[in-house]
N, C-alpha and C. Protein backbone atom coordinates (compact mmCIF):
# COMPACT_ATOMS: atom_id res chain seq x y z
N UNK A 1 0.84 -1.17 0.00
CA UNK A 1 0.00 0.00 0.00
C UNK A 1 0.89 1.24 0.00
N UNK A 2 0.44 2.25 -0.70
CA UNK A 2 1.16 3.51 -0.71
C UNK A 2 1.20 4.08 0.71
N UNK A 3 2.34 4.60 1.17
CA UNK A 3 2.43 5.10 2.54
C UNK A 3 1.53 6.31 2.83
N UNK A 4 1.12 7.03 1.78
CA UNK A 4 0.32 8.23 2.00
C UNK A 4 -1.11 8.16 1.46
N UNK A 5 -1.38 7.25 0.54
CA UNK A 5 -2.69 7.16 -0.10
C UNK A 5 -3.23 5.74 0.05
N UNK A 6 -4.20 5.54 0.94
CA UNK A 6 -4.71 4.20 1.23
C UNK A 6 -5.48 3.59 0.05
N UNK A 7 -5.84 4.38 -0.94
CA UNK A 7 -6.51 3.85 -2.13
C UNK A 7 -5.53 3.27 -3.15
N UNK A 8 -4.25 3.61 -3.01
CA UNK A 8 -3.23 3.23 -3.99
C UNK A 8 -2.46 2.01 -3.49
N UNK A 9 -2.50 0.92 -4.28
CA UNK A 9 -1.79 -0.29 -3.91
C UNK A 9 -0.92 -0.75 -5.08
N UNK A 10 0.11 -1.49 -4.75
CA UNK A 10 1.07 -1.97 -5.73
C UNK A 10 1.14 -3.49 -5.65
N UNK A 11 1.63 -4.11 -6.71
CA UNK A 11 1.86 -5.54 -6.69
C UNK A 11 3.15 -5.86 -7.43
N UNK A 12 3.94 -6.75 -6.82
CA UNK A 12 5.13 -7.31 -7.45
C UNK A 12 4.85 -8.78 -7.73
N UNK A 13 5.86 -9.60 -7.62
CA UNK A 13 5.68 -11.03 -7.86
C UNK A 13 5.64 -11.39 -9.33
N UNK A 14 5.79 -10.42 -10.17
CA UNK A 14 5.83 -10.55 -11.62
C UNK A 14 6.97 -9.67 -12.10
N UNK A 15 7.40 -9.75 -13.35
CA UNK A 15 8.54 -8.93 -13.79
C UNK A 15 8.30 -7.42 -13.75
N UNK A 16 7.03 -6.99 -13.90
CA UNK A 16 6.70 -5.56 -13.97
C UNK A 16 5.92 -5.14 -12.73
N UNK A 17 6.15 -3.92 -12.26
CA UNK A 17 5.40 -3.39 -11.14
C UNK A 17 4.04 -2.91 -11.65
N UNK A 18 2.98 -3.24 -10.91
CA UNK A 18 1.63 -2.78 -11.23
C UNK A 18 1.12 -1.92 -10.10
N UNK A 19 0.24 -0.95 -10.43
CA UNK A 19 -0.35 -0.06 -9.43
C UNK A 19 -1.84 0.09 -9.70
N UNK A 20 -2.56 0.21 -8.61
CA UNK A 20 -3.99 0.50 -8.68
C UNK A 20 -4.24 1.74 -7.84
N UNK A 21 -4.96 2.69 -8.38
CA UNK A 21 -5.30 3.92 -7.66
C UNK A 21 -6.69 3.85 -7.03
N UNK A 22 -7.38 2.71 -7.20
CA UNK A 22 -8.75 2.58 -6.71
C UNK A 22 -8.95 1.27 -5.92
N UNK A 23 -8.04 1.00 -5.02
CA UNK A 23 -8.12 -0.15 -4.11
C UNK A 23 -8.14 -1.50 -4.83
N UNK A 24 -7.59 -1.58 -6.03
CA UNK A 24 -7.48 -2.85 -6.73
C UNK A 24 -8.54 -3.12 -7.76
N UNK A 25 -9.41 -2.19 -8.02
CA UNK A 25 -10.44 -2.39 -9.05
C UNK A 25 -9.85 -2.35 -10.45
N UNK A 26 -8.87 -1.49 -10.67
CA UNK A 26 -8.21 -1.35 -11.97
C UNK A 26 -6.71 -1.30 -11.75
N UNK A 27 -5.97 -1.94 -12.66
CA UNK A 27 -4.52 -2.02 -12.53
C UNK A 27 -3.85 -1.45 -13.76
N UNK A 28 -2.69 -0.79 -13.55
CA UNK A 28 -1.90 -0.22 -14.62
C UNK A 28 -0.47 -0.75 -14.50
N UNK A 29 0.08 -1.23 -15.60
CA UNK A 29 1.47 -1.68 -15.61
C UNK A 29 2.37 -0.46 -15.56
N UNK A 30 3.35 -0.51 -14.70
CA UNK A 30 4.36 0.55 -14.60
C UNK A 30 5.64 0.01 -15.23
N UNK A 31 6.79 0.39 -14.71
CA UNK A 31 8.06 -0.03 -15.28
C UNK A 31 8.48 -1.42 -14.85
N UNK A 32 9.50 -1.92 -15.55
CA UNK A 32 10.08 -3.22 -15.23
C UNK A 32 11.48 -3.00 -14.68
N UNK A 33 11.72 -3.36 -13.42
CA UNK A 33 13.05 -3.21 -12.83
C UNK A 33 14.06 -4.14 -13.50
N UNK A 34 15.33 -3.81 -13.33
CA UNK A 34 16.42 -4.63 -13.85
C UNK A 34 16.44 -5.97 -13.14
N UNK A 35 17.10 -6.94 -13.75
CA UNK A 35 17.29 -8.24 -13.13
C UNK A 35 16.46 -9.32 -13.78
N UNK A 36 16.70 -10.54 -13.30
CA UNK A 36 16.03 -11.72 -13.84
C UNK A 36 14.84 -12.10 -12.97
N UNK A 37 13.85 -12.68 -13.60
CA UNK A 37 12.71 -13.21 -12.86
C UNK A 37 11.71 -12.15 -12.45
N UNK A 38 11.14 -12.36 -11.27
CA UNK A 38 10.05 -11.51 -10.80
C UNK A 38 10.53 -10.56 -9.71
N UNK A 39 9.71 -9.56 -9.43
CA UNK A 39 9.98 -8.63 -8.34
C UNK A 39 9.73 -9.39 -7.04
N UNK A 40 10.76 -9.54 -6.21
CA UNK A 40 10.60 -10.28 -4.96
C UNK A 40 10.27 -9.38 -3.78
N UNK A 41 10.59 -8.11 -3.89
CA UNK A 41 10.26 -7.15 -2.84
C UNK A 41 10.41 -5.75 -3.41
N UNK A 42 9.70 -4.80 -2.81
CA UNK A 42 9.86 -3.40 -3.19
C UNK A 42 9.52 -2.54 -1.99
N UNK A 43 10.05 -1.31 -2.00
CA UNK A 43 9.80 -0.37 -0.91
C UNK A 43 9.53 1.00 -1.49
N UNK A 44 8.50 1.65 -0.98
CA UNK A 44 8.13 3.00 -1.41
C UNK A 44 8.58 3.95 -0.31
N UNK A 45 9.31 4.99 -0.67
CA UNK A 45 9.82 5.94 0.32
C UNK A 45 8.66 6.73 0.92
N UNK A 46 8.44 6.65 2.24
CA UNK A 46 7.35 7.41 2.86
C UNK A 46 7.51 8.92 2.73
N UNK A 47 8.75 9.38 2.65
CA UNK A 47 8.99 10.82 2.56
C UNK A 47 8.87 11.37 1.14
N UNK A 48 8.82 10.48 0.15
CA UNK A 48 8.66 10.88 -1.25
C UNK A 48 8.18 9.66 -2.02
N UNK A 49 6.88 9.51 -2.21
CA UNK A 49 6.33 8.29 -2.79
C UNK A 49 6.61 8.13 -4.28
N UNK A 50 7.26 9.10 -4.89
CA UNK A 50 7.73 8.91 -6.27
C UNK A 50 8.96 8.00 -6.31
N UNK A 51 9.60 7.82 -5.15
CA UNK A 51 10.81 7.00 -5.08
C UNK A 51 10.45 5.59 -4.64
N UNK A 52 10.76 4.63 -5.51
CA UNK A 52 10.47 3.22 -5.26
C UNK A 52 11.72 2.41 -5.54
N UNK A 53 12.06 1.53 -4.62
CA UNK A 53 13.16 0.58 -4.81
C UNK A 53 12.54 -0.79 -5.02
N UNK A 54 13.00 -1.52 -6.03
CA UNK A 54 12.49 -2.86 -6.32
C UNK A 54 13.65 -3.82 -6.49
N UNK A 55 13.49 -5.03 -5.93
CA UNK A 55 14.53 -6.03 -6.10
C UNK A 55 13.98 -7.25 -6.82
N UNK A 56 14.87 -7.83 -7.60
CA UNK A 56 14.71 -9.18 -8.11
C UNK A 56 15.86 -9.96 -7.50
N UNK A 57 15.94 -11.24 -7.70
CA UNK A 57 16.96 -11.98 -6.96
C UNK A 57 18.38 -11.55 -7.29
N UNK A 58 18.58 -10.90 -8.44
CA UNK A 58 19.94 -10.56 -8.84
C UNK A 58 20.16 -9.08 -9.16
N UNK A 59 19.25 -8.20 -8.75
CA UNK A 59 19.42 -6.77 -9.03
C UNK A 59 18.49 -5.94 -8.15
N UNK A 60 18.91 -4.70 -7.91
CA UNK A 60 18.04 -3.71 -7.27
C UNK A 60 17.94 -2.52 -8.20
N UNK A 61 16.74 -1.97 -8.30
CA UNK A 61 16.47 -0.85 -9.19
C UNK A 61 15.79 0.27 -8.42
N UNK A 62 15.96 1.48 -8.95
CA UNK A 62 15.38 2.68 -8.35
C UNK A 62 14.50 3.37 -9.37
N UNK A 63 13.32 3.78 -8.93
CA UNK A 63 12.45 4.63 -9.73
C UNK A 63 12.30 5.96 -9.00
N UNK A 64 12.42 7.05 -9.72
CA UNK A 64 12.22 8.37 -9.14
C UNK A 64 10.96 9.03 -9.70
N UNK A 65 10.18 8.24 -10.46
CA UNK A 65 8.96 8.78 -11.06
C UNK A 65 7.75 7.87 -10.79
N UNK A 66 7.65 7.38 -9.58
CA UNK A 66 6.50 6.59 -9.18
C UNK A 66 6.40 5.22 -9.81
N UNK A 67 7.50 4.69 -10.32
CA UNK A 67 7.51 3.36 -10.90
C UNK A 67 7.36 3.32 -12.40
N UNK A 68 7.28 4.48 -13.04
CA UNK A 68 7.15 4.51 -14.50
C UNK A 68 8.37 3.92 -15.18
N UNK A 69 9.55 4.22 -14.65
CA UNK A 69 10.79 3.65 -15.18
C UNK A 69 11.74 3.39 -14.02
N UNK A 70 12.68 2.48 -14.24
CA UNK A 70 13.63 2.08 -13.21
C UNK A 70 15.05 2.14 -13.75
N UNK A 71 15.99 2.43 -12.84
CA UNK A 71 17.42 2.43 -13.13
C UNK A 71 18.09 1.38 -12.26
N UNK A 72 18.97 0.58 -12.83
CA UNK A 72 19.70 -0.44 -12.09
C UNK A 72 20.73 0.24 -11.19
N UNK A 73 20.65 -0.02 -9.88
CA UNK A 73 21.60 0.55 -8.92
C UNK A 73 22.34 -0.56 -8.16
N UNK A 74 22.41 -1.73 -8.76
CA UNK A 74 23.05 -2.87 -8.10
C UNK A 74 24.51 -2.59 -7.77
N UNK A 75 25.22 -1.93 -8.68
CA UNK A 75 26.60 -1.55 -8.42
C UNK A 75 27.46 -2.70 -7.96
N UNK A 76 28.12 -2.53 -6.80
CA UNK A 76 29.08 -3.50 -6.28
C UNK A 76 28.47 -4.51 -5.30
N UNK A 77 27.14 -4.55 -5.20
CA UNK A 77 26.54 -5.54 -4.31
C UNK A 77 26.95 -6.96 -4.74
N UNK A 78 27.19 -7.85 -3.78
CA UNK A 78 27.71 -9.19 -4.10
C UNK A 78 26.61 -10.16 -4.56
N UNK A 79 25.95 -9.84 -5.66
CA UNK A 79 24.83 -10.67 -6.12
C UNK A 79 25.27 -12.06 -6.58
N UNK A 80 26.54 -12.25 -6.84
CA UNK A 80 27.02 -13.56 -7.23
C UNK A 80 27.11 -14.53 -6.06
N UNK A 81 27.03 -14.03 -4.83
CA UNK A 81 27.16 -14.87 -3.64
C UNK A 81 25.83 -15.37 -3.10
N UNK A 82 24.76 -14.60 -3.30
CA UNK A 82 23.44 -14.96 -2.77
C UNK A 82 22.39 -14.09 -3.45
N UNK A 83 21.14 -14.44 -3.23
CA UNK A 83 20.02 -13.70 -3.81
C UNK A 83 19.59 -12.55 -2.90
N UNK A 84 19.24 -11.43 -3.51
CA UNK A 84 18.64 -10.35 -2.76
C UNK A 84 17.30 -10.83 -2.22
N UNK A 85 16.98 -10.47 -0.98
CA UNK A 85 15.75 -10.99 -0.37
C UNK A 85 14.81 -9.93 0.16
N UNK A 86 15.31 -8.78 0.57
CA UNK A 86 14.45 -7.77 1.17
C UNK A 86 15.05 -6.40 0.98
N UNK A 87 14.18 -5.38 0.95
CA UNK A 87 14.62 -3.99 0.83
C UNK A 87 13.74 -3.13 1.73
N UNK A 88 14.36 -2.19 2.45
CA UNK A 88 13.63 -1.21 3.24
C UNK A 88 14.27 0.15 3.02
N UNK A 89 13.45 1.20 3.22
CA UNK A 89 13.91 2.57 3.03
C UNK A 89 13.57 3.38 4.28
N UNK A 90 14.43 4.30 4.61
CA UNK A 90 14.22 5.18 5.76
C UNK A 90 12.91 5.94 5.62
N UNK A 91 12.27 6.19 6.75
CA UNK A 91 11.02 6.95 6.75
C UNK A 91 11.24 8.43 6.48
N UNK A 92 12.46 8.91 6.71
CA UNK A 92 12.72 10.34 6.57
C UNK A 92 13.68 10.72 5.45
N UNK A 93 14.46 9.77 4.96
CA UNK A 93 15.45 10.06 3.93
C UNK A 93 15.36 9.00 2.83
N UNK A 94 14.82 9.34 1.66
CA UNK A 94 14.63 8.34 0.61
C UNK A 94 15.93 7.80 0.01
N UNK A 95 17.07 8.38 0.36
CA UNK A 95 18.35 7.89 -0.14
C UNK A 95 18.97 6.84 0.78
N UNK A 96 18.41 6.65 1.98
CA UNK A 96 18.93 5.67 2.95
C UNK A 96 18.14 4.38 2.80
N UNK A 97 18.83 3.33 2.31
CA UNK A 97 18.18 2.07 1.96
C UNK A 97 19.04 0.91 2.43
N UNK A 98 18.39 -0.18 2.85
CA UNK A 98 19.06 -1.41 3.25
C UNK A 98 18.53 -2.56 2.42
N UNK A 99 19.42 -3.48 2.05
CA UNK A 99 19.02 -4.70 1.35
C UNK A 99 19.64 -5.89 2.07
N UNK A 100 18.95 -7.03 1.98
CA UNK A 100 19.48 -8.24 2.60
C UNK A 100 19.70 -9.31 1.55
N UNK A 101 20.54 -10.28 1.94
CA UNK A 101 20.87 -11.41 1.08
C UNK A 101 20.47 -12.71 1.76
N UNK A 102 19.88 -13.60 1.00
CA UNK A 102 19.46 -14.90 1.50
C UNK A 102 20.47 -15.95 1.02
N UNK A 103 21.49 -16.15 1.80
CA UNK A 103 22.52 -17.11 1.43
C UNK A 103 23.46 -17.35 2.60
N UNK A 104 24.45 -18.20 2.38
CA UNK A 104 25.38 -18.58 3.44
C UNK A 104 26.78 -18.00 3.24
N UNK A 105 26.91 -16.91 2.51
CA UNK A 105 28.21 -16.25 2.39
C UNK A 105 28.46 -15.47 3.67
N UNK A 106 29.40 -15.93 4.47
CA UNK A 106 29.67 -15.33 5.77
C UNK A 106 30.01 -13.85 5.63
N UNK A 107 29.34 -13.01 6.41
CA UNK A 107 29.60 -11.58 6.40
C UNK A 107 29.00 -10.82 5.24
N UNK A 108 28.18 -11.46 4.45
CA UNK A 108 27.55 -10.82 3.28
C UNK A 108 26.04 -10.89 3.44
N UNK A 109 25.50 -10.21 4.45
CA UNK A 109 24.09 -10.35 4.82
C UNK A 109 23.26 -9.10 4.54
N UNK A 110 23.75 -7.93 4.98
CA UNK A 110 22.97 -6.69 4.85
C UNK A 110 23.90 -5.58 4.36
N UNK A 111 23.40 -4.83 3.39
CA UNK A 111 24.13 -3.68 2.84
C UNK A 111 23.25 -2.45 2.93
N UNK A 112 23.91 -1.29 3.03
CA UNK A 112 23.20 -0.02 3.18
C UNK A 112 23.78 1.00 2.21
N UNK A 113 22.90 1.87 1.72
CA UNK A 113 23.33 3.03 0.95
C UNK A 113 22.77 4.28 1.60
N UNK A 114 23.52 5.35 1.55
CA UNK A 114 23.03 6.65 2.05
C UNK A 114 22.88 7.65 0.90
N UNK A 115 23.11 7.16 -0.32
CA UNK A 115 23.05 8.05 -1.48
C UNK A 115 22.22 7.46 -2.62
N UNK A 116 21.16 6.77 -2.28
CA UNK A 116 20.25 6.25 -3.29
C UNK A 116 20.82 5.17 -4.18
N UNK A 117 21.82 4.45 -3.70
CA UNK A 117 22.37 3.33 -4.45
C UNK A 117 23.60 3.64 -5.27
N UNK A 118 24.13 4.85 -5.15
CA UNK A 118 25.37 5.17 -5.85
C UNK A 118 26.51 4.32 -5.30
N UNK A 119 26.55 4.18 -3.97
CA UNK A 119 27.53 3.30 -3.32
C UNK A 119 26.82 2.49 -2.24
N UNK A 120 27.39 1.33 -1.90
CA UNK A 120 26.83 0.43 -0.90
C UNK A 120 27.89 0.10 0.14
N UNK A 121 27.47 -0.02 1.41
CA UNK A 121 28.37 -0.40 2.49
C UNK A 121 27.85 -1.67 3.15
N UNK A 122 28.76 -2.58 3.48
CA UNK A 122 28.39 -3.80 4.18
C UNK A 122 28.20 -3.47 5.66
N UNK A 123 27.01 -3.75 6.18
CA UNK A 123 26.71 -3.50 7.59
C UNK A 123 26.29 -4.81 8.27
N UNK A 124 26.95 -5.89 7.90
CA UNK A 124 26.59 -7.23 8.38
C UNK A 124 27.26 -7.62 9.69
N UNK A 125 28.00 -6.74 10.30
CA UNK A 125 28.73 -7.04 11.52
C UNK A 125 27.82 -7.66 12.56
N UNK A 126 28.25 -8.74 13.15
CA UNK A 126 27.59 -9.45 14.25
C UNK A 126 26.38 -10.27 13.81
N UNK A 127 26.06 -10.32 12.54
CA UNK A 127 24.95 -11.17 12.11
C UNK A 127 25.46 -12.59 11.92
N UNK A 128 24.66 -13.57 12.32
CA UNK A 128 25.08 -14.96 12.16
C UNK A 128 25.10 -15.36 10.69
N UNK A 129 25.80 -16.44 10.38
CA UNK A 129 25.90 -16.90 9.00
C UNK A 129 24.69 -17.76 8.63
N UNK A 130 23.55 -17.10 8.54
CA UNK A 130 22.31 -17.71 8.06
C UNK A 130 21.71 -16.76 7.03
N UNK A 131 20.90 -17.27 6.13
CA UNK A 131 20.25 -16.38 5.17
C UNK A 131 19.37 -15.35 5.88
N UNK A 132 19.53 -14.10 5.50
CA UNK A 132 18.66 -13.03 6.02
C UNK A 132 17.56 -12.83 5.00
N UNK A 133 16.35 -13.17 5.39
CA UNK A 133 15.23 -13.18 4.45
C UNK A 133 14.33 -11.96 4.53
N UNK A 134 14.42 -11.21 5.61
CA UNK A 134 13.54 -10.06 5.73
C UNK A 134 14.19 -8.96 6.55
N UNK A 135 13.86 -7.73 6.20
CA UNK A 135 14.28 -6.56 6.95
C UNK A 135 13.03 -5.76 7.29
N UNK A 136 13.03 -5.13 8.46
CA UNK A 136 11.93 -4.26 8.85
C UNK A 136 12.53 -2.97 9.38
N UNK A 137 12.13 -1.86 8.80
CA UNK A 137 12.58 -0.55 9.26
C UNK A 137 11.76 -0.16 10.47
N UNK A 138 12.40 0.37 11.50
CA UNK A 138 11.73 0.78 12.73
C UNK A 138 11.31 2.24 12.59
N UNK A 139 10.02 2.45 12.41
CA UNK A 139 9.50 3.81 12.29
C UNK A 139 9.49 4.50 13.65
N UNK A 140 9.78 5.79 13.65
CA UNK A 140 9.69 6.57 14.86
C UNK A 140 10.85 6.41 15.82
N UNK A 141 11.87 5.68 15.43
CA UNK A 141 13.03 5.53 16.29
C UNK A 141 13.90 6.78 16.26
N UNK A 142 14.77 6.90 17.24
CA UNK A 142 15.66 8.05 17.29
C UNK A 142 16.71 7.97 16.20
N UNK A 143 17.15 6.78 15.90
CA UNK A 143 18.12 6.55 14.83
C UNK A 143 17.48 5.61 13.83
N UNK A 144 18.04 5.58 12.63
CA UNK A 144 17.58 4.57 11.68
C UNK A 144 17.95 3.22 12.26
N UNK A 145 16.95 2.40 12.51
CA UNK A 145 17.18 1.05 13.02
C UNK A 145 16.43 0.08 12.13
N UNK A 146 17.03 -1.09 11.95
CA UNK A 146 16.46 -2.11 11.10
C UNK A 146 16.52 -3.44 11.83
N UNK A 147 15.41 -4.18 11.81
CA UNK A 147 15.40 -5.55 12.31
C UNK A 147 15.71 -6.46 11.14
N UNK A 148 16.54 -7.47 11.39
CA UNK A 148 16.87 -8.45 10.36
C UNK A 148 16.39 -9.82 10.83
N UNK A 149 15.73 -10.55 9.94
CA UNK A 149 15.24 -11.87 10.29
C UNK A 149 15.77 -12.92 9.33
N UNK A 150 16.16 -14.06 9.86
CA UNK A 150 16.75 -15.11 9.04
C UNK A 150 15.99 -16.41 9.10
N UNK A 151 16.62 -17.44 8.58
CA UNK A 151 15.97 -18.74 8.46
C UNK A 151 15.83 -19.45 9.79
N UNK A 152 16.70 -19.18 10.74
CA UNK A 152 16.55 -19.76 12.06
C UNK A 152 15.53 -18.93 12.82
N UNK A 153 14.98 -19.47 13.86
CA UNK A 153 14.02 -18.71 14.66
C UNK A 153 14.82 -17.78 15.57
N UNK A 154 15.02 -16.59 15.10
CA UNK A 154 15.70 -15.59 15.90
C UNK A 154 15.27 -14.21 15.44
N UNK A 155 15.41 -13.28 16.30
CA UNK A 155 15.11 -11.90 15.97
C UNK A 155 16.19 -11.07 16.63
N UNK A 156 16.88 -10.29 15.86
CA UNK A 156 17.93 -9.48 16.42
C UNK A 156 17.71 -8.04 16.01
N UNK A 157 17.92 -7.15 16.92
CA UNK A 157 17.83 -5.74 16.59
C UNK A 157 19.24 -5.28 16.32
N UNK A 158 19.45 -4.82 15.14
CA UNK A 158 20.74 -4.33 14.75
C UNK A 158 20.57 -2.90 14.30
N UNK A 159 21.23 -1.99 14.95
CA UNK A 159 21.16 -0.61 14.51
C UNK A 159 22.18 -0.45 13.40
N UNK A 160 21.66 -0.24 12.21
CA UNK A 160 22.49 -0.14 11.03
C UNK A 160 22.55 1.32 10.60
N UNK A 161 23.36 2.07 11.28
CA UNK A 161 23.41 3.52 11.04
C UNK A 161 24.45 3.84 10.00
């Protein structure tokens, strides 16, 4: 669902992003993000809903026009080691984004950008060597904080500043 408009919903799970402005009664195809296969996750920036990040298992893309078109921002992310699994964006800064990897490459679990994907930093310190399948951004926190969840039954709060 769009963070600001409860009538506007999106759907991934297919190669192209779709949007409905009327609670799902009518759908419009938007852009197709880079990468192979289907959109596995996407995040809409709450502070600017024209900015959308979408991942497929081997690429992350950025749209600055509400999903009409996407630019590949994968850059130096280690997509050859594991599949991208989740993406979250800061509630206050649309350039601050985290992505996770679902694989067993030790120390290659979560990456962060502070410049909209121009560069990426590994912030996997202290995470166990299990696939990280989901990220959740903590709204209303004093600092940008992200929860990371993996294949084992565990929940760890990692402040990825």
